[in-house]
Protein backbone atom coordinates (compact mmCIF):
# COMPACT_ATOMS: atom_id res chain seq x y z
CA MET A 1 213.50 -70.96 -51.52
CA ARG A 2 212.98 -67.74 -53.47
CA ILE A 3 210.95 -69.50 -56.16
CA THR A 4 208.27 -70.55 -53.74
CA PRO A 5 207.09 -66.97 -52.71
CA LEU A 6 207.11 -65.84 -56.33
CA GLY A 7 204.85 -68.68 -57.32
CA LEU A 8 202.45 -67.89 -54.52
CA ARG A 9 202.15 -64.31 -55.75
CA LEU A 10 201.36 -65.38 -59.26
CA LEU A 11 198.66 -67.74 -57.99
CA CYS A 12 197.06 -64.81 -56.02
CA LEU A 13 197.07 -62.55 -59.06
CA ILE A 14 195.46 -65.19 -61.24
CA TRP A 15 192.75 -65.71 -58.62
CA LEU A 16 191.96 -61.95 -58.13
CA TRP A 17 191.92 -60.95 -61.82
CA PRO A 18 188.30 -61.97 -62.58
CA ALA A 19 187.02 -60.06 -59.49
CA ALA A 20 188.82 -56.88 -60.65
CA LEU A 21 187.34 -57.14 -64.12
CA LEU A 22 183.85 -57.61 -62.66
CA SER A 23 184.10 -54.51 -60.39
CA ASP A 24 185.44 -52.39 -63.28
CA ASN A 25 182.52 -53.38 -65.47
CA GLN A 26 180.07 -52.51 -62.69
CA PHE A 27 181.65 -49.02 -62.26
CA HIS A 28 181.42 -48.24 -65.97
CA SER A 29 177.84 -49.47 -65.99
CA ARG A 30 176.89 -47.15 -63.12
CA ARG A 31 178.61 -44.17 -64.79
CA LYS A 32 176.79 -44.89 -68.04
CA ASN A 33 173.43 -45.13 -66.24
CA LYS A 34 174.07 -41.82 -64.42
CA ASP A 35 174.95 -40.04 -67.66
CA ALA A 36 171.85 -41.44 -69.30
CA TYR A 37 169.69 -40.23 -66.38
CA MET A 38 171.15 -36.74 -66.49
CA GLY A 39 170.70 -36.63 -70.21
CA GLU A 40 167.03 -37.48 -69.87
CA ASN A 41 166.54 -34.69 -67.32
CA ALA A 42 168.35 -32.18 -69.48
CA ARG A 43 166.28 -33.29 -72.48
CA HIS A 44 163.05 -32.66 -70.56
CA LYS A 45 164.24 -29.26 -69.32
CA HIS A 46 165.46 -27.95 -72.66
CA GLY A 47 162.71 -29.36 -74.85
CA GLY A 48 164.61 -32.34 -76.19
CA ARG A 49 167.89 -30.44 -76.69
CA ILE A 50 170.90 -31.29 -74.56
CA ASP A 51 173.20 -28.34 -73.84
CA PHE A 52 176.44 -29.62 -72.32
CA LYS A 53 177.86 -26.06 -72.07
CA MET A 54 175.53 -24.95 -69.28
CA LYS A 55 176.94 -22.03 -67.32
CA LYS A 56 176.83 -21.50 -63.64
CA SER A 57 175.23 -18.00 -63.99
CA ASP A 58 171.44 -17.51 -63.96
CA SER A 59 169.36 -17.09 -67.10
CA THR A 60 168.67 -13.37 -66.50
CA LYS A 61 172.35 -12.47 -66.44
CA SER A 62 172.98 -14.67 -69.43
CA LEU A 63 170.20 -12.86 -71.33
CA LEU A 64 171.59 -9.47 -70.31
CA ILE A 65 175.02 -10.33 -71.64
CA LYS A 66 173.54 -11.38 -74.94
CA SER A 67 171.48 -8.19 -75.13
CA GLU A 68 174.55 -6.05 -74.51
CA GLN A 69 176.32 -7.83 -77.32
CA LEU A 70 173.29 -7.41 -79.57
CA LEU A 71 173.00 -3.66 -78.84
CA ARG A 72 176.78 -3.20 -79.09
CA ILE A 73 176.90 -1.24 -75.86
CA GLU A 74 180.63 -1.76 -75.41
CA ASP A 75 181.33 -0.34 -78.87
CA HIS A 76 179.98 3.17 -78.16
CA ASP A 77 180.51 5.96 -75.68
CA PHE A 78 177.11 6.55 -74.12
CA ALA A 79 178.36 9.46 -72.02
CA MET A 80 177.57 11.65 -75.04
CA ARG A 81 174.09 12.29 -76.39
CA PRO A 82 173.00 10.81 -79.74
CA GLY A 83 174.13 12.84 -82.71
CA PHE A 84 176.73 14.72 -80.69
CA GLY A 85 177.99 17.78 -82.56
CA GLY A 86 174.90 17.96 -84.78
CA SER A 87 171.45 19.41 -84.36
CA ALA A 88 169.46 19.13 -81.13
CA ILE A 89 167.98 15.71 -80.43
CA PRO A 90 164.17 15.82 -80.05
CA VAL A 91 162.82 14.11 -76.93
CA GLY A 92 159.07 13.62 -76.70
CA ILE A 93 157.38 13.59 -73.30
CA ASP A 94 154.20 11.78 -72.32
CA VAL A 95 152.76 12.00 -68.77
CA GLN A 96 150.01 10.07 -67.05
CA VAL A 97 149.04 11.46 -63.63
CA GLU A 98 148.17 8.65 -61.26
CA SER A 99 147.18 10.70 -58.21
CA ILE A 100 147.52 14.01 -56.41
CA ASP A 101 148.42 12.84 -52.94
CA SER A 102 148.24 16.06 -50.94
CA ILE A 103 147.98 19.84 -51.22
CA SER A 104 149.38 21.88 -48.35
CA GLU A 105 148.39 25.52 -47.87
CA VAL A 106 150.85 25.97 -45.01
CA ASN A 107 153.88 24.78 -47.04
CA MET A 108 152.45 25.98 -50.36
CA ASP A 109 153.24 22.75 -52.20
CA PHE A 110 151.57 19.67 -53.67
CA THR A 111 152.55 16.01 -54.01
CA MET A 112 151.86 14.13 -57.25
CA THR A 113 152.51 10.57 -58.45
CA LEU A 114 152.90 10.17 -62.21
CA TYR A 115 154.25 8.02 -65.02
CA LEU A 116 156.88 9.96 -66.98
CA ARG A 117 157.64 8.58 -70.44
CA HIS A 118 160.42 9.71 -72.81
CA TYR A 119 160.65 9.04 -76.55
CA TRP A 120 163.78 9.56 -78.64
CA GLN A 121 165.94 7.82 -81.22
CA ASP A 122 169.47 6.56 -80.73
CA ASP A 123 170.98 4.89 -83.81
CA ARG A 124 173.71 3.38 -81.66
CA LEU A 125 171.14 0.98 -80.15
CA ALA A 126 169.65 -0.19 -83.46
CA PHE A 127 169.83 -3.96 -83.93
CA PRO A 128 168.90 -6.43 -86.70
CA SER A 129 165.61 -8.26 -86.21
CA SER A 130 163.79 -10.64 -88.53
CA ASN A 131 160.36 -10.16 -86.89
CA ASN A 132 160.81 -6.38 -86.19
CA LYS A 133 159.88 -6.79 -82.52
CA SER A 134 161.10 -4.58 -79.70
CA ARG A 135 163.09 -5.66 -76.68
CA THR A 136 162.12 -4.61 -73.14
CA PHE A 137 164.62 -4.16 -70.31
CA ASP A 138 164.61 -2.96 -66.72
CA ALA A 139 166.79 -0.54 -64.72
CA ARG A 140 169.95 -2.66 -65.00
CA LEU A 141 170.46 -1.77 -68.66
CA VAL A 142 169.31 1.85 -68.25
CA LYS A 143 172.42 2.62 -66.24
CA LYS A 144 174.68 1.70 -69.17
CA ILE A 145 173.14 3.83 -71.93
CA TRP A 146 172.31 7.51 -72.47
CA VAL A 147 168.93 8.75 -71.21
CA PRO A 148 167.57 12.36 -71.04
CA ASP A 149 168.39 14.19 -67.81
CA VAL A 150 164.91 15.59 -67.23
CA PHE A 151 164.30 17.08 -63.78
CA PHE A 152 161.42 18.87 -62.03
CA VAL A 153 161.83 22.61 -61.59
CA HIS A 154 160.89 23.96 -58.11
CA SER A 155 160.85 20.42 -56.76
CA LYS A 156 161.26 19.99 -53.02
CA ARG A 157 161.38 16.19 -52.85
CA SER A 158 161.06 13.41 -55.40
CA PHE A 159 161.86 9.72 -55.66
CA ILE A 160 161.50 6.78 -58.04
CA HIS A 161 159.42 3.93 -56.68
CA ASP A 162 161.54 0.83 -56.04
CA THR A 163 159.11 -1.81 -54.73
CA THR A 164 159.70 -4.57 -55.47
CA MET A 165 162.16 -3.44 -58.13
CA GLU A 166 162.85 0.02 -59.48
CA ASN A 167 159.81 1.10 -61.48
CA ILE A 168 161.80 1.74 -64.66
CA MET A 169 161.11 0.35 -68.09
CA LEU A 170 163.25 0.61 -71.25
CA ARG A 171 161.94 -0.55 -74.61
CA VAL A 172 164.27 -0.56 -77.63
CA TYR A 173 163.01 -0.96 -81.20
CA PRO A 174 165.10 -2.35 -84.09
CA ASP A 175 165.32 1.07 -85.79
CA GLY A 176 166.79 2.69 -82.67
CA ASN A 177 163.60 4.29 -81.29
CA ILE A 178 163.49 4.15 -77.52
CA LEU A 179 160.73 4.36 -74.93
CA TYR A 180 161.89 5.11 -71.41
CA SER A 181 159.22 5.09 -68.66
CA VAL A 182 159.61 5.77 -64.95
CA ARG A 183 157.14 6.06 -62.04
CA ILE A 184 157.87 9.08 -59.84
CA THR A 185 156.39 10.80 -56.80
CA VAL A 186 157.33 14.48 -56.65
CA THR A 187 156.58 17.29 -54.20
CA ALA A 188 156.79 20.67 -55.92
CA LEU A 189 156.19 24.30 -55.04
CA CYS A 190 152.87 25.96 -55.85
CA SER A 191 152.65 29.72 -55.36
CA MET A 192 149.15 30.17 -53.96
CA ASP A 193 147.14 33.35 -53.59
CA PHE A 194 144.89 33.35 -50.51
CA SER A 195 143.21 36.71 -51.06
CA SER A 196 139.88 34.95 -51.64
CA PHE A 197 140.41 32.03 -49.23
CA PRO A 198 138.36 29.86 -48.74
CA LEU A 199 136.45 30.92 -51.85
CA ASP A 200 139.62 30.74 -53.93
CA THR A 201 140.83 28.99 -57.08
CA GLN A 202 144.49 27.95 -57.29
CA ASN A 203 146.54 27.48 -60.44
CA CYS A 204 149.49 25.12 -59.89
CA SER A 205 151.99 23.68 -62.36
CA LEU A 206 154.67 21.01 -62.51
CA GLU A 207 157.61 22.03 -64.71
CA LEU A 208 159.99 19.68 -66.58
CA GLU A 209 163.33 20.69 -67.99
CA SER A 210 166.69 19.26 -69.02
CA TYR A 211 169.38 20.03 -66.49
CA ALA A 212 172.55 19.85 -68.63
CA TYR A 213 171.43 20.20 -72.27
CA ASN A 214 170.15 23.55 -73.49
CA GLU A 215 168.01 24.07 -76.58
CA ASN A 216 171.04 23.60 -78.89
CA ASP A 217 171.52 20.02 -77.68
CA LEU A 218 168.11 18.76 -76.58
CA MET A 219 164.60 19.81 -77.55
CA LEU A 220 161.76 18.77 -75.22
CA TYR A 221 158.26 18.66 -76.66
CA TRP A 222 154.90 17.07 -75.88
CA LYS A 223 154.72 13.80 -77.80
CA ASN A 224 151.01 13.96 -78.71
CA GLY A 225 150.18 17.61 -78.18
CA ASN A 226 147.35 18.19 -75.71
CA ASP A 227 146.71 14.43 -75.58
CA SER A 228 150.15 13.90 -74.05
CA LEU A 229 148.75 14.57 -70.58
CA ARG A 230 146.36 11.94 -69.28
CA THR A 231 144.89 11.52 -65.83
CA ASP A 232 143.12 8.83 -63.89
CA GLU A 233 139.98 9.64 -61.93
CA ILE A 234 141.29 11.89 -59.17
CA VAL A 235 139.14 12.80 -56.16
CA LEU A 236 140.41 15.30 -53.59
CA SER A 237 138.91 16.09 -50.20
CA GLN A 238 139.06 19.89 -50.30
CA PHE A 239 139.49 20.65 -54.00
CA PHE A 240 137.75 20.06 -57.28
CA ILE A 241 140.03 19.75 -60.32
CA GLU A 242 138.58 22.03 -62.97
CA GLU A 243 141.19 21.59 -65.69
CA PHE A 244 144.36 19.69 -66.64
CA HIS A 245 146.31 20.96 -69.65
CA PRO A 246 149.94 20.91 -70.89
CA SER A 247 151.95 23.87 -72.16
CA TYR A 248 155.53 24.68 -73.06
CA GLY A 249 157.96 27.57 -73.03
CA LEU A 250 161.58 28.62 -72.69
CA ALA A 251 163.64 29.33 -69.58
CA PHE A 252 166.72 31.52 -69.64
CA TYR A 253 169.75 31.23 -67.37
CA SER A 254 172.39 33.90 -67.61
CA SER A 255 175.33 31.48 -67.43
CA THR A 256 174.09 28.54 -69.52
CA GLY A 257 171.52 29.89 -72.00
CA TRP A 258 167.99 28.94 -73.05
CA TYR A 259 166.30 25.67 -72.09
CA ASN A 260 163.08 24.05 -73.24
CA ARG A 261 160.54 23.75 -70.45
CA LEU A 262 157.29 21.81 -70.31
CA TYR A 263 154.41 22.65 -67.96
CA ILE A 264 151.71 20.45 -66.44
CA ASN A 265 149.04 22.98 -65.43
CA PHE A 266 146.02 22.16 -63.31
CA ILE A 267 143.37 24.45 -61.80
CA LEU A 268 141.96 23.65 -58.36
CA ARG A 269 138.74 25.08 -56.96
CA ARG A 270 138.21 24.73 -53.22
CA HIS A 271 135.11 23.10 -51.77
CA ILE A 272 133.37 25.63 -49.52
CA PHE A 273 131.09 23.27 -47.58
CA PHE A 274 133.83 22.22 -45.13
CA PHE A 275 134.53 25.83 -44.17
CA MET A 276 130.84 26.61 -43.96
CA LEU A 277 130.48 23.96 -41.28
CA GLN A 278 133.70 24.72 -39.44
CA THR A 279 133.93 28.52 -39.69
CA TYR A 280 131.03 30.44 -41.20
CA PHE A 281 128.04 28.81 -39.49
CA PRO A 282 129.58 28.96 -35.97
CA THR A 283 130.51 32.59 -36.58
CA MET A 284 126.96 33.46 -37.65
CA LEU A 285 125.53 31.76 -34.59
CA MET A 286 127.86 33.66 -32.26
CA VAL A 287 126.82 36.98 -33.78
CA MET A 288 123.13 36.10 -33.44
CA LEU A 289 123.72 34.95 -29.88
CA SER A 290 125.14 38.35 -29.01
CA TRP A 291 121.82 39.94 -30.08
CA VAL A 292 119.98 38.06 -27.34
CA SER A 293 121.28 40.60 -24.82
CA PHE A 294 119.09 43.28 -26.46
CA TRP A 295 116.00 41.42 -25.17
CA ILE A 296 117.36 40.97 -21.64
CA ASP A 297 116.44 43.57 -19.03
CA ARG A 298 119.10 46.24 -18.87
CA ARG A 299 119.14 45.88 -15.07
CA ALA A 300 120.33 42.24 -15.36
CA VAL A 301 123.99 43.19 -15.42
CA PRO A 302 125.51 39.71 -14.80
CA ALA A 303 123.41 38.08 -17.51
CA ARG A 304 124.20 40.61 -20.21
CA VAL A 305 127.88 41.00 -19.35
CA SER A 306 128.54 37.26 -19.19
CA LEU A 307 126.73 36.73 -22.50
CA GLY A 308 128.77 39.45 -24.19
CA ILE A 309 132.11 38.24 -22.83
CA THR A 310 131.32 34.63 -23.80
CA THR A 311 130.57 35.53 -27.41
CA VAL A 312 133.70 37.69 -27.64
CA LEU A 313 135.95 34.89 -26.34
CA THR A 314 134.33 32.34 -28.65
CA MET A 315 134.95 34.57 -31.65
CA SER A 316 138.58 34.97 -30.58
CA THR A 317 138.95 31.19 -30.44
CA ILE A 318 137.51 30.77 -33.93
CA ILE A 319 139.84 33.42 -35.36
CA THR A 320 142.87 31.84 -33.68
CA GLY A 321 142.00 28.36 -34.98
CA VAL A 322 141.63 29.54 -38.57
CA SER A 323 144.87 31.54 -38.43
CA ALA A 324 146.82 28.55 -37.09
CA SER A 325 145.92 26.42 -40.11
CA MET A 326 146.94 29.05 -42.64
CA PRO A 327 150.32 30.40 -43.77
CA GLN A 328 151.44 33.67 -42.27
CA VAL A 329 150.76 35.90 -45.27
CA SER A 330 151.04 39.68 -45.18
CA TYR A 331 147.70 40.44 -46.86
CA VAL A 332 144.09 40.12 -45.75
CA LYS A 333 142.16 36.99 -46.71
CA ALA A 334 138.44 36.77 -47.38
CA VAL A 335 137.88 34.66 -44.28
CA ASP A 336 139.70 37.28 -42.20
CA ILE A 337 137.32 39.97 -43.40
CA TYR A 338 134.31 37.90 -42.43
CA LEU A 339 135.67 36.84 -39.05
CA TRP A 340 136.82 40.29 -38.00
CA ALA A 341 133.61 41.95 -39.20
CA SER A 342 131.62 39.40 -37.17
CA PHE A 343 133.91 40.01 -34.21
CA LEU A 344 133.18 43.72 -34.56
CA PHE A 345 129.42 43.09 -34.39
CA VAL A 346 129.87 41.00 -31.23
CA PHE A 347 132.14 43.63 -29.71
CA LEU A 348 129.68 46.42 -30.50
CA SER A 349 126.90 44.49 -28.76
CA VAL A 350 128.99 44.59 -25.57
CA ILE A 351 129.70 48.30 -26.05
CA GLU A 352 125.99 48.88 -26.63
CA TYR A 353 125.12 47.50 -23.22
CA ALA A 354 127.89 49.54 -21.62
CA ALA A 355 126.33 52.68 -23.11
CA VAL A 356 122.83 51.66 -22.01
CA ASN A 357 123.97 50.98 -18.47
CA TYR A 358 125.88 54.26 -18.25
CA PHE A 359 123.05 56.42 -19.61
CA THR A 360 120.57 54.69 -17.33
CA THR A 361 122.71 55.41 -14.27
CA VAL A 362 123.20 59.06 -15.23
CA GLU A 363 119.47 59.59 -15.79
CA GLU A 364 118.60 57.98 -12.48
CA MET A 365 121.03 60.23 -10.65
CA LYS A 366 119.46 63.27 -12.32
CA LYS A 367 115.97 62.18 -11.35
CA LEU A 368 117.16 61.55 -7.83
CA LYS A 369 118.49 65.09 -7.64
CA ARG A 370 115.27 66.55 -9.09
CA GLY A 371 113.23 64.60 -6.57
CA LYS A 372 111.36 62.44 -9.05
CA LEU A 373 112.60 59.33 -7.33
CA PRO A 374 111.87 58.52 -3.67
CA VAL A 375 114.39 59.76 -1.17
CA SER A 376 114.83 56.22 0.08
CA TYR A 377 115.84 55.06 -3.46
CA ASP A 378 119.34 53.60 -3.55
CA ALA A 379 121.22 53.55 -6.89
CA THR A 380 122.99 50.33 -5.88
CA GLN A 381 119.65 48.57 -6.05
CA ALA A 382 119.36 49.31 -9.79
CA MET A 383 119.19 45.64 -10.73
CA ALA A 384 115.82 45.32 -9.02
CA TYR A 385 114.39 48.35 -10.81
CA ASP A 386 112.80 47.83 -14.20
CA GLY A 387 114.31 51.02 -15.59
CA CYS A 388 111.37 51.78 -17.88
CA PHE A 389 110.47 55.45 -17.88
CA HIS A 390 106.94 56.08 -19.08
CA ASP A 391 105.47 59.14 -20.70
CA ASN A 392 103.96 60.41 -17.47
CA GLU A 393 107.42 60.49 -15.93
CA MET A 394 108.90 62.74 -18.61
CA ASP A 395 108.68 66.49 -18.88
CA LEU A 396 106.97 66.99 -22.22
CA SER A 397 106.16 70.60 -23.18
CA PRO A 398 102.97 70.71 -25.26
CA PHE A 399 103.03 72.19 -28.75
CA PRO A 400 100.94 75.37 -29.25
CA GLU A 401 97.69 74.83 -31.08
CA LEU A 402 97.35 76.15 -34.61
CA PRO A 403 94.74 78.82 -35.34
CA THR A 404 91.67 77.29 -36.96
CA THR A 405 89.06 80.13 -37.06
CA PRO A 406 89.10 83.34 -39.13
CA SER A 407 88.78 85.40 -35.93
CA THR A 408 91.95 83.99 -34.53
CA GLU A 409 93.73 84.56 -37.81
CA GLN A 410 92.78 88.26 -37.71
CA ALA A 411 93.84 88.51 -34.07
CA ALA A 412 97.26 87.14 -34.84
CA PRO A 413 100.04 89.70 -34.90
CA PRO A 414 101.20 90.76 -38.35
CA GLN A 415 104.36 89.03 -39.62
CA ASN A 416 107.10 90.35 -41.82
CA SER A 417 106.98 89.71 -45.53
CA SER A 418 110.32 87.91 -45.32
CA THR A 419 108.98 85.19 -43.03
CA GLU A 420 107.48 82.03 -44.40
CA PRO A 421 103.73 81.88 -44.94
CA PRO A 422 101.73 80.20 -42.21
CA PRO A 423 101.23 76.49 -42.62
CA THR A 424 98.07 75.34 -44.25
CA GLU A 425 95.72 72.73 -42.90
CA GLY A 426 97.21 69.22 -42.76
CA THR A 427 100.85 70.39 -42.43
CA ARG A 428 102.92 69.00 -39.51
CA LEU A 429 105.65 71.04 -37.97
CA TRP A 430 109.14 69.54 -37.52
CA ARG A 431 111.55 71.21 -35.19
CA LYS A 432 115.22 71.06 -36.03
CA ARG A 433 117.12 69.60 -33.13
CA SER A 434 120.82 69.99 -32.56
CA VAL A 435 123.19 67.07 -32.04
CA ARG A 436 123.52 67.99 -28.39
CA HIS A 437 119.77 67.92 -28.00
CA ASN A 438 119.59 64.47 -29.64
CA ILE A 439 122.29 63.13 -27.36
CA ASN A 440 120.50 64.49 -24.32
CA PHE A 441 117.28 62.92 -25.57
CA ILE A 442 118.93 59.51 -25.94
CA MET A 443 120.57 59.81 -22.53
CA SER A 444 117.25 60.60 -20.93
CA ASN A 445 115.60 57.67 -22.75
CA SER A 446 118.32 55.01 -22.65
CA TYR A 447 115.82 52.18 -22.97
CA MET A 448 115.37 53.23 -26.62
CA ILE A 449 118.94 52.13 -27.44
CA ASP A 450 118.00 48.49 -26.96
CA SER A 451 114.88 48.97 -29.06
CA TYR A 452 116.84 50.45 -31.95
CA SER A 453 119.65 47.85 -31.62
CA ARG A 454 117.16 45.02 -32.09
CA ILE A 455 116.59 46.31 -35.63
CA ILE A 456 119.85 48.00 -36.58
CA PHE A 457 122.22 45.12 -35.72
CA PRO A 458 120.39 42.35 -37.69
CA VAL A 459 119.80 44.61 -40.70
CA ALA A 460 123.43 45.75 -40.77
CA TYR A 461 124.73 42.16 -40.48
CA LEU A 462 122.38 40.96 -43.21
CA LEU A 463 123.56 43.78 -45.47
CA PHE A 464 127.19 42.84 -44.76
CA ASN A 465 126.54 39.20 -45.70
CA ILE A 466 124.88 40.18 -48.96
CA ILE A 467 127.85 42.34 -49.96
CA TYR A 468 130.41 39.75 -48.83
CA TRP A 469 128.96 36.74 -50.64
CA SER A 470 128.26 38.74 -53.79
CA LEU A 471 131.89 39.84 -53.98
CA TYR A 472 133.65 36.54 -53.24
CA SER A 473 131.29 33.80 -54.41
């Protein structure tokens, strides 16, 4: 009974054996075809070479690891400068100014975008090369080696551009020479002098210096002399760049010693046309407008007073607007001299009419008392009166006639020898008048003040402009 089940099992095994062999052969065939397909793809990707030791990391990281091994970064301590303990390491500087973004008079600073390049030699990064070609890296390797700690003196704000990656480039040559370039935007202080504003010229500078290494450890210098500073075509709205030039010097700190310092100097000359349109021309027109009151009848009180007050308020507005856009300095600027002198001319035109109106009223009251004006005349009706006193209305005492005949000369009383000889024919007598007499004459002829002002005010303002523009232009 037990033999029968065992025989059945053997018969089943014999029957299933060929099917198992067939499925095993099919599996190995599929595996072989898959390997062949992957090999073909790998051969196409790697140029006919099959690399079975492909790593899961990307090619950039793989290249960086190989570069670190080539430069032997792990074998050295890059916290110390090259040649530590020896002479100072020379670091050349090369700058290309891309743009001057803004210049602020209120904050007394400027914003500049530039390419800052450093050149030095570090034997620790020398590597063997058959073709003597350099290797270029980005910011990821810069963080692992020594680079100069150059900073901007008197800098308010600065940053390295990082779109789309940090704008940093490192180029290493086989002999250990290094080029390190970075794109920076910096806002630095510029001590401006506004004594001649807006006819001024400003001299600003951007200063570079090592923060930690003094002149015994690091020596900064311009790589190519005066050609180390290059600029693109820069156009500014209010300034014209007259000159760009580099210079160098030393800076002393009492606690740390002497440091090498490099200067990027540039001279800016301000364009005057903007201020001519916004400040000078309106001011001139307001002063000339105030002279119109000299041609208006002195009895037209509302017209002359309103014109004078309007010009005074307009000048105040112009002065306030200019002062708001300027720093609060403790000295007088050129534009302040012009504005306040013009304001004085406008103010004097108002005072001139006040004097004319007062003298006219006083003279009318005197004539009213002397009876030269009708009894029915009312001083409150002065605006309707023309106010022009003619020669027949004035008390003019005639001059005595000079003797012309010999008989009259003999009849004349004898004079002392100390007196002056009598005037000859053709001589005009001038009587010396006192200041009081002149004032009384002007008060009695107040209409003459307007006549003189029509000439004195324009001539005086023209003379002021000639002196002003000759001094500051």
